[in-house]
Amino acid sequence: MSIANNLLSIKNSLPDHVTLVAVSKTKPIADIMEAYDAGQRIFGENKIQEMTQKWEEMPKDIQWHMIGHVQRNKVKYMAPFVSLIHGVDSLKLLKEINKQAIKNERKICCLLQVHIAEEETKFGFDEDELLDMINHPEFKELNHVVIEGVMGMATFTEDTEQIRKEFHKLNNIFKNLKLNFESIHILSMGMSGDYKIAIEEGSTMIRVGSSIFGARNYQ
């Protein structure tokens, strides 16, 4: 199957309210252009340097999503163009994004990353930390970031009931946040292996890489 065929087959299977982020990290521009030519406009990268290089060389109607863990000292490189930052997991990071957004005279859209998996390696707020942050006086002063929703990753397991339970929990957190924030409308959860369960549990945005582009080359 070609990249274009893979992409269209996934897109045709998605409900209208679900946005597909094509995870293009480590992929060459030629591969991404094949997806672009098939109509895809939202791509996800996990390294700021790589994303910036692709942004410089590729069509300007592409929306670039930063889906990896973000280091504060790198925010300035993507601040001029990034469409959505998925993995915001601290007030310090939000403050830096706000600072760089001001320098670039724009507002930067963000998702708050919530830790729902059993694995310790995943980043993100737990529910109490999330509530503490959004009630923090400094948070209320960040006028150049727009919190559009939440993001989370389920435990890497074959146990579909556990995955479902974790996604269900994130959806409840999402619904509670929506009561407090008009801007919240994105529930980003689900990747190549579990996005169908994620959609059943309320996801509005999925991140799919290998099912579109084939296995990743980490060399």
C-alpha atoms as a PDB file:
ATOM      1  CA  MET A   1       0.000   0.000   0.000  1.00  0.00           C
ATOM      2  CA  SER A   2       1.219   3.501  -0.753  1.00  0.00           C
ATOM      3  CA  ILE A   3       1.324   6.311   1.822  1.00  0.00           C
ATOM      4  CA  ALA A   4      -1.580   8.016   0.021  1.00  0.00           C
ATOM      5  CA  ASN A   5      -3.688   4.830   0.100  1.00  0.00           C
ATOM      6  CA  ASN A   6      -2.905   4.199   3.780  1.00  0.00           C
ATOM      7  CA  LEU A   7      -3.853   7.769   4.624  1.00  0.00           C
ATOM      8  CA  LEU A   8      -7.125   7.767   2.701  1.00  0.00           C
ATOM      9  CA  SER A   9      -8.146   4.417   4.106  1.00  0.00           C
ATOM     10  CA  ILE A  10      -7.680   5.697   7.686  1.00  0.00           C
ATOM     11  CA  LYS A  11      -9.368   9.037   6.945  1.00  0.00           C
ATOM     12  CA  ASN A  12     -12.376   7.310   5.381  1.00  0.00           C
ATOM     13  CA  SER A  13     -12.821   5.220   8.534  1.00  0.00           C
ATOM     14  CA  LEU A  14     -12.865   8.196  10.912  1.00  0.00           C
ATOM     15  CA  PRO A  15     -15.979   9.954  12.188  1.00  0.00           C
ATOM     16  CA  ASP A  16     -16.311  13.573  11.020  1.00  0.00           C
ATOM     17  CA  HIS A  17     -15.476  15.047  14.429  1.00  0.00           C
ATOM     18  CA  VAL A  18     -12.070  13.311  14.664  1.00  0.00           C
ATOM     19  CA  THR A  19      -8.942  15.134  13.451  1.00  0.00           C
ATOM     20  CA  LEU A  20      -6.043  13.066  12.132  1.00  0.00           C
ATOM     21  CA  VAL A  21      -2.499  14.167  12.965  1.00  0.00           C
ATOM     22  CA  ALA A  22      -0.110  12.332  10.627  1.00  0.00           C
ATOM     23  CA  VAL A  23       2.987  11.603  12.708  1.00  0.00           C
ATOM     24  CA  SER A  24       5.824  12.431  10.328  1.00  0.00           C
ATOM     25  CA  LYS A  25       8.767  12.326  12.776  1.00  0.00           C
ATOM     26  CA  THR A  26      11.932  10.793  11.263  1.00  0.00           C
ATOM     27  CA  LYS A  27      10.229  10.696   7.841  1.00  0.00           C
ATOM     28  CA  PRO A  28      11.804  12.372   4.796  1.00  0.00           C
ATOM     29  CA  ILE A  29      10.109  15.311   3.082  1.00  0.00           C
ATOM     30  CA  ALA A  30       9.307  13.162   0.026  1.00  0.00           C
ATOM     31  CA  ASP A  31       7.142  10.862   2.177  1.00  0.00           C
ATOM     32  CA  ILE A  32       5.402  13.771   3.873  1.00  0.00           C
ATOM     33  CA  MET A  33       4.742  15.397   0.486  1.00  0.00           C
ATOM     34  CA  GLU A  34       3.037  12.190  -0.666  1.00  0.00           C
ATOM     35  CA  ALA A  35       0.613  12.529   2.268  1.00  0.00           C
ATOM     36  CA  TYR A  36       0.303  16.279   1.585  1.00  0.00           C
ATOM     37  CA  ASP A  37      -0.586  15.624  -2.061  1.00  0.00           C
ATOM     38  CA  ALA A  38      -3.265  13.201  -0.854  1.00  0.00           C
ATOM     39  CA  GLY A  39      -4.848  16.041   1.134  1.00  0.00           C
ATOM     40  CA  GLN A  40      -3.257  15.809   4.593  1.00  0.00           C
ATOM     41  CA  ARG A  41      -2.417  19.183   6.161  1.00  0.00           C
ATOM     42  CA  ILE A  42      -1.688  18.375   9.829  1.00  0.00           C
ATOM     43  CA  PHE A  43       1.615  16.739  10.699  1.00  0.00           C
ATOM     44  CA  GLY A  44       3.141  15.848  14.061  1.00  0.00           C
ATOM     45  CA  GLU A  45       6.834  16.009  14.954  1.00  0.00           C
ATOM     46  CA  ASN A  46       8.626  15.260  18.206  1.00  0.00           C
ATOM     47  CA  LYS A  47      11.911  17.097  17.663  1.00  0.00           C
ATOM     48  CA  ILE A  48      11.817  20.881  17.312  1.00  0.00           C
ATOM     49  CA  GLN A  49      14.932  21.070  15.115  1.00  0.00           C
ATOM     50  CA  GLU A  50      13.540  18.548  12.634  1.00  0.00           C
ATOM     51  CA  MET A  51      10.117  20.216  12.620  1.00  0.00           C
ATOM     52  CA  THR A  52      11.638  23.658  12.011  1.00  0.00           C
ATOM     53  CA  GLN A  53      13.680  22.358   9.083  1.00  0.00           C
ATOM     54  CA  LYS A  54      10.599  20.773   7.511  1.00  0.00           C
ATOM     55  CA  TRP A  55       8.548  23.928   8.101  1.00  0.00           C
ATOM     56  CA  GLU A  56      11.166  25.979   6.248  1.00  0.00           C
ATOM     57  CA  GLU A  57      11.204  23.664   3.246  1.00  0.00           C
ATOM     58  CA  MET A  58       7.563  22.642   2.912  1.00  0.00           C
ATOM     59  CA  PRO A  59       4.272  24.331   1.880  1.00  0.00           C
ATOM     60  CA  LYS A  60       3.118  27.001   4.299  1.00  0.00           C
ATOM     61  CA  ASP A  61      -0.476  25.801   4.610  1.00  0.00           C
ATOM     62  CA  ILE A  62       0.723  22.854   6.712  1.00  0.00           C
ATOM     63  CA  GLN A  63      -0.194  22.903  10.398  1.00  0.00           C
ATOM     64  CA  TRP A  64       2.741  21.632  12.457  1.00  0.00           C
ATOM     65  CA  HIS A  65       1.927  19.964  15.771  1.00  0.00           C
ATOM     66  CA  MET A  66       4.629  19.409  18.382  1.00  0.00           C
ATOM     67  CA  ILE A  67       3.766  16.032  19.853  1.00  0.00           C
ATOM     68  CA  GLY A  68       6.950  15.194  21.770  1.00  0.00           C
ATOM     69  CA  HIS A  69       8.222  16.201  25.191  1.00  0.00           C
ATOM     70  CA  VAL A  70       9.138  19.900  25.005  1.00  0.00           C
ATOM     71  CA  GLN A  71      12.287  21.383  26.519  1.00  0.00           C
ATOM     72  CA  ARG A  72      11.794  24.999  27.581  1.00  0.00           C
ATOM     73  CA  ASN A  73      15.018  26.232  25.949  1.00  0.00           C
ATOM     74  CA  LYS A  74      13.805  24.995  22.542  1.00  0.00           C
ATOM     75  CA  VAL A  75      10.388  26.707  22.536  1.00  0.00           C
ATOM     76  CA  LYS A  76      11.757  29.845  20.826  1.00  0.00           C
ATOM     77  CA  TYR A  77      12.603  27.909  17.648  1.00  0.00           C
ATOM     78  CA  MET A  78       9.029  26.790  16.985  1.00  0.00           C
ATOM     79  CA  ALA A  79       7.191  29.782  18.472  1.00  0.00           C
ATOM     80  CA  PRO A  80       6.922  31.637  15.110  1.00  0.00           C
ATOM     81  CA  PHE A  81       4.958  28.854  13.391  1.00  0.00           C
ATOM     82  CA  VAL A  82       3.800  25.925  15.555  1.00  0.00           C
ATOM     83  CA  SER A  83       0.019  25.337  15.339  1.00  0.00           C
ATOM     84  CA  LEU A  84      -0.483  23.207  18.445  1.00  0.00           C
ATOM     85  CA  ILE A  85       1.791  21.982  21.244  1.00  0.00           C
ATOM     86  CA  HIS A  86       0.465  18.667  22.572  1.00  0.00           C
ATOM     87  CA  GLY A  87       2.664  17.821  25.527  1.00  0.00           C
ATOM     88  CA  VAL A  88       2.448  20.754  27.954  1.00  0.00           C
ATOM     89  CA  ASP A  89       3.171  19.273  31.365  1.00  0.00           C
ATOM     90  CA  SER A  90       4.191  22.169  33.643  1.00  0.00           C
ATOM     91  CA  LEU A  91       3.376  25.769  34.478  1.00  0.00           C
ATOM     92  CA  LYS A  92       7.035  26.671  33.820  1.00  0.00           C
ATOM     93  CA  LEU A  93       6.731  25.389  30.250  1.00  0.00           C
ATOM     94  CA  LEU A  94       3.459  27.289  29.720  1.00  0.00           C
ATOM     95  CA  LYS A  95       5.091  30.492  30.961  1.00  0.00           C
ATOM     96  CA  GLU A  96       7.934  30.049  28.462  1.00  0.00           C
ATOM     97  CA  ILE A  97       5.473  29.390  25.615  1.00  0.00           C
ATOM     98  CA  ASN A  98       3.572  32.531  26.626  1.00  0.00           C
ATOM     99  CA  LYS A  99       6.807  34.570  26.668  1.00  0.00           C
ATOM    100  CA  GLN A 100       7.829  33.381  23.186  1.00  0.00           C
ATOM    101  CA  ALA A 101       4.288  33.923  21.867  1.00  0.00           C
ATOM    102  CA  ILE A 102       4.464  37.559  22.987  1.00  0.00           C
ATOM    103  CA  LYS A 103       7.809  37.983  21.185  1.00  0.00           C
ATOM    104  CA  ASN A 104       6.210  36.630  18.008  1.00  0.00           C
ATOM    105  CA  GLU A 105       3.033  38.685  18.438  1.00  0.00           C
ATOM    106  CA  ARG A 106       0.771  35.663  18.334  1.00  0.00           C
ATOM    107  CA  LYS A 107      -1.184  33.299  20.529  1.00  0.00           C
ATOM    108  CA  ILE A 108       0.016  29.698  20.710  1.00  0.00           C
ATOM    109  CA  CYS A 109      -2.483  26.857  21.135  1.00  0.00           C
ATOM    110  CA  CYS A 110      -1.629  24.124  23.640  1.00  0.00           C
ATOM    111  CA  LEU A 111      -2.929  20.860  25.047  1.00  0.00           C
ATOM    112  CA  LEU A 112      -2.304  19.938  28.678  1.00  0.00           C
ATOM    113  CA  GLN A 113      -0.776  16.476  28.984  1.00  0.00           C
ATOM    114  CA  VAL A 114      -2.406  14.265  31.591  1.00  0.00           C
ATOM    115  CA  HIS A 115      -0.698  11.161  32.956  1.00  0.00           C
ATOM    116  CA  ILE A 116      -3.229   8.329  32.640  1.00  0.00           C
ATOM    117  CA  ALA A 117      -0.937   5.325  32.037  1.00  0.00           C
ATOM    118  CA  GLU A 118       0.445   2.971  34.664  1.00  0.00           C
ATOM    119  CA  GLU A 119       3.949   3.374  33.269  1.00  0.00           C
ATOM    120  CA  GLU A 120       6.136   5.807  35.185  1.00  0.00           C
ATOM    121  CA  THR A 121       7.962   6.881  32.025  1.00  0.00           C
ATOM    122  CA  LYS A 122       5.083   8.906  30.616  1.00  0.00           C
ATOM    123  CA  PHE A 123       5.019  12.648  31.259  1.00  0.00           C
ATOM    124  CA  GLY A 124       2.024  14.686  32.342  1.00  0.00           C
ATOM    125  CA  PHE A 125      -0.063  16.105  35.177  1.00  0.00           C
ATOM    126  CA  ASP A 126      -2.131  13.956  37.456  1.00  0.00           C
ATOM    127  CA  GLU A 127      -5.651  15.237  38.060  1.00  0.00           C
ATOM    128  CA  ASP A 128      -4.827  17.126  41.277  1.00  0.00           C
ATOM    129  CA  GLU A 129      -1.756  18.807  39.752  1.00  0.00           C
ATOM    130  CA  LEU A 130      -3.862  19.869  36.778  1.00  0.00           C
ATOM    131  CA  LEU A 131      -6.474  21.525  38.999  1.00  0.00           C
ATOM    132  CA  ASP A 132      -3.764  23.185  41.084  1.00  0.00           C
ATOM    133  CA  MET A 133      -2.214  24.659  37.978  1.00  0.00           C
ATOM    134  CA  ILE A 134      -5.364  26.019  36.364  1.00  0.00           C
ATOM    135  CA  ASN A 135      -6.275  27.685  39.660  1.00  0.00           C
ATOM    136  CA  HIS A 136      -2.803  29.202  40.041  1.00  0.00           C
ATOM    137  CA  PRO A 137      -2.747  33.032  39.799  1.00  0.00           C
ATOM    138  CA  GLU A 138       0.180  32.921  37.340  1.00  0.00           C
ATOM    139  CA  PHE A 139      -1.765  30.635  35.021  1.00  0.00           C
ATOM    140  CA  LYS A 140      -4.560  33.185  34.744  1.00  0.00           C
ATOM    141  CA  GLU A 141      -2.069  35.802  33.503  1.00  0.00           C
ATOM    142  CA  LEU A 142      -0.927  33.797  30.462  1.00  0.00           C
ATOM    143  CA  ASN A 143      -2.830  35.714  27.806  1.00  0.00           C
ATOM    144  CA  HIS A 144      -0.809  34.481  24.838  1.00  0.00           C
ATOM    145  CA  VAL A 145      -1.474  30.774  25.249  1.00  0.00           C
ATOM    146  CA  VAL A 146      -4.815  29.208  24.375  1.00  0.00           C
ATOM    147  CA  ILE A 147      -5.592  25.961  26.171  1.00  0.00           C
ATOM    148  CA  GLU A 148      -7.541  23.981  23.572  1.00  0.00           C
ATOM    149  CA  GLY A 149      -7.794  20.668  25.381  1.00  0.00           C
ATOM    150  CA  VAL A 150      -5.994  17.721  26.924  1.00  0.00           C
ATOM    151  CA  MET A 151      -3.787  14.927  25.665  1.00  0.00           C
ATOM    152  CA  GLY A 152      -2.832  11.580  27.126  1.00  0.00           C
ATOM    153  CA  MET A 153      -1.274   8.226  26.255  1.00  0.00           C
ATOM    154  CA  ALA A 154      -2.563   4.901  27.476  1.00  0.00           C
ATOM    155  CA  THR A 155      -0.368   2.190  28.934  1.00  0.00           C
ATOM    156  CA  PHE A 156       1.469   0.163  26.267  1.00  0.00           C
ATOM    157  CA  THR A 157      -0.349  -3.118  26.810  1.00  0.00           C
ATOM    158  CA  GLU A 158      -2.412  -5.764  25.019  1.00  0.00           C
ATOM    159  CA  ASP A 159      -5.108  -5.371  27.691  1.00  0.00           C
ATOM    160  CA  THR A 160      -7.800  -3.441  25.813  1.00  0.00           C
ATOM    161  CA  GLU A 161      -9.968  -3.074  28.933  1.00  0.00           C
ATOM    162  CA  GLN A 162      -7.156  -1.257  30.715  1.00  0.00           C
ATOM    163  CA  ILE A 163      -6.601   1.021  27.700  1.00  0.00           C
ATOM    164  CA  ARG A 164     -10.332   1.737  27.577  1.00  0.00           C
ATOM    165  CA  LYS A 165     -10.424   2.525  31.299  1.00  0.00           C
ATOM    166  CA  GLU A 166      -7.523   4.998  30.964  1.00  0.00           C
ATOM    167  CA  PHE A 167      -9.087   6.749  27.958  1.00  0.00           C
ATOM    168  CA  HIS A 168     -12.423   6.891  29.793  1.00  0.00           C
ATOM    169  CA  LYS A 169     -10.699   8.604  32.726  1.00  0.00           C
ATOM    170  CA  LEU A 170      -9.136  11.208  30.437  1.00  0.00           C
ATOM    171  CA  ASN A 171     -12.505  11.901  28.821  1.00  0.00           C
ATOM    172  CA  ASN A 172     -13.984  12.628  32.267  1.00  0.00           C
ATOM    173  CA  ILE A 173     -11.149  15.077  33.012  1.00  0.00           C
ATOM    174  CA  PHE A 174     -11.742  16.685  29.595  1.00  0.00           C
ATOM    175  CA  LYS A 175     -15.471  17.099  30.295  1.00  0.00           C
ATOM    176  CA  ASN A 176     -14.784  18.716  33.676  1.00  0.00           C
ATOM    177  CA  LEU A 177     -12.291  21.163  32.165  1.00  0.00           C
ATOM    178  CA  LYS A 178     -14.769  22.115  29.448  1.00  0.00           C
ATOM    179  CA  LEU A 179     -17.074  23.440  32.159  1.00  0.00           C
ATOM    180  CA  ASN A 180     -14.405  26.007  33.110  1.00  0.00           C
ATOM    181  CA  PHE A 181     -12.863  26.907  29.745  1.00  0.00           C
ATOM    182  CA  GLU A 182     -14.685  28.032  26.629  1.00  0.00           C
ATOM    183  CA  SER A 183     -11.614  27.339  24.502  1.00  0.00           C
ATOM    184  CA  ILE A 184     -11.470  23.612  25.309  1.00  0.00           C
ATOM    185  CA  HIS A 185     -12.630  21.349  22.485  1.00  0.00           C
ATOM    186  CA  ILE A 186      -9.789  18.871  21.799  1.00  0.00           C
ATOM    187  CA  LEU A 187      -9.406  15.481  23.445  1.00  0.00           C
ATOM    188  CA  SER A 188      -6.214  14.097  21.927  1.00  0.00           C
ATOM    189  CA  MET A 189      -5.787  10.407  22.603  1.00  0.00           C
ATOM    190  CA  GLY A 190      -5.159   7.342  20.482  1.00  0.00           C
ATOM    191  CA  MET A 191      -2.277   6.255  18.262  1.00  0.00           C
ATOM    192  CA  SER A 192      -1.809   3.623  15.553  1.00  0.00           C
ATOM    193  CA  GLY A 193      -2.397   0.712  17.943  1.00  0.00           C
ATOM    194  CA  ASP A 194      -5.302   2.006  20.025  1.00  0.00           C
ATOM    195  CA  TYR A 195      -7.035   4.868  18.206  1.00  0.00           C
ATOM    196  CA  LYS A 196     -10.225   2.896  17.546  1.00  0.00           C
ATOM    197  CA  ILE A 197     -10.760   2.411  21.287  1.00  0.00           C
ATOM    198  CA  ALA A 198      -9.829   6.067  21.873  1.00  0.00           C
ATOM    199  CA  ILE A 199     -12.509   7.243  19.427  1.00  0.00           C
ATOM    200  CA  GLU A 200     -15.110   5.027  21.128  1.00  0.00           C
ATOM    201  CA  GLU A 201     -14.124   6.705  24.409  1.00  0.00           C
ATOM    202  CA  GLY A 202     -14.571  10.231  23.030  1.00  0.00           C
ATOM    203  CA  SER A 203     -11.285  11.190  21.349  1.00  0.00           C
ATOM    204  CA  THR A 204     -11.484  14.099  18.903  1.00  0.00           C
ATOM    205  CA  MET A 205      -7.856  13.945  17.720  1.00  0.00           C
ATOM    206  CA  ILE A 206      -5.642  10.939  16.980  1.00  0.00           C
ATOM    207  CA  ARG A 207      -1.920  10.705  16.216  1.00  0.00           C
ATOM    208  CA  VAL A 208      -1.077   8.071  13.621  1.00  0.00           C
ATOM    209  CA  GLY A 209       2.355   7.444  12.128  1.00  0.00           C
ATOM    210  CA  SER A 210       3.339   3.884  11.263  1.00  0.00           C
ATOM    211  CA  SER A 211      -0.113   2.983   9.867  1.00  0.00           C
ATOM    212  CA  ILE A 212       0.371   5.788   7.322  1.00  0.00           C
ATOM    213  CA  PHE A 213       4.105   5.933   6.655  1.00  0.00           C
ATOM    214  CA  GLY A 214       5.159   2.378   7.539  1.00  0.00           C
ATOM    215  CA  ALA A 215       7.592   1.356  10.276  1.00  0.00           C
ATOM    216  CA  ARG A 216       9.901   4.059  11.574  1.00  0.00           C
ATOM    217  CA  ASN A 217      13.605   4.106  10.982  1.00  0.00           C
ATOM    218  CA  TYR A 218      15.436   5.240  14.131  1.00  0.00           C
ATOM    219  CA  GLN A 219      18.964   4.966  12.737  1.00  0.00           C
END
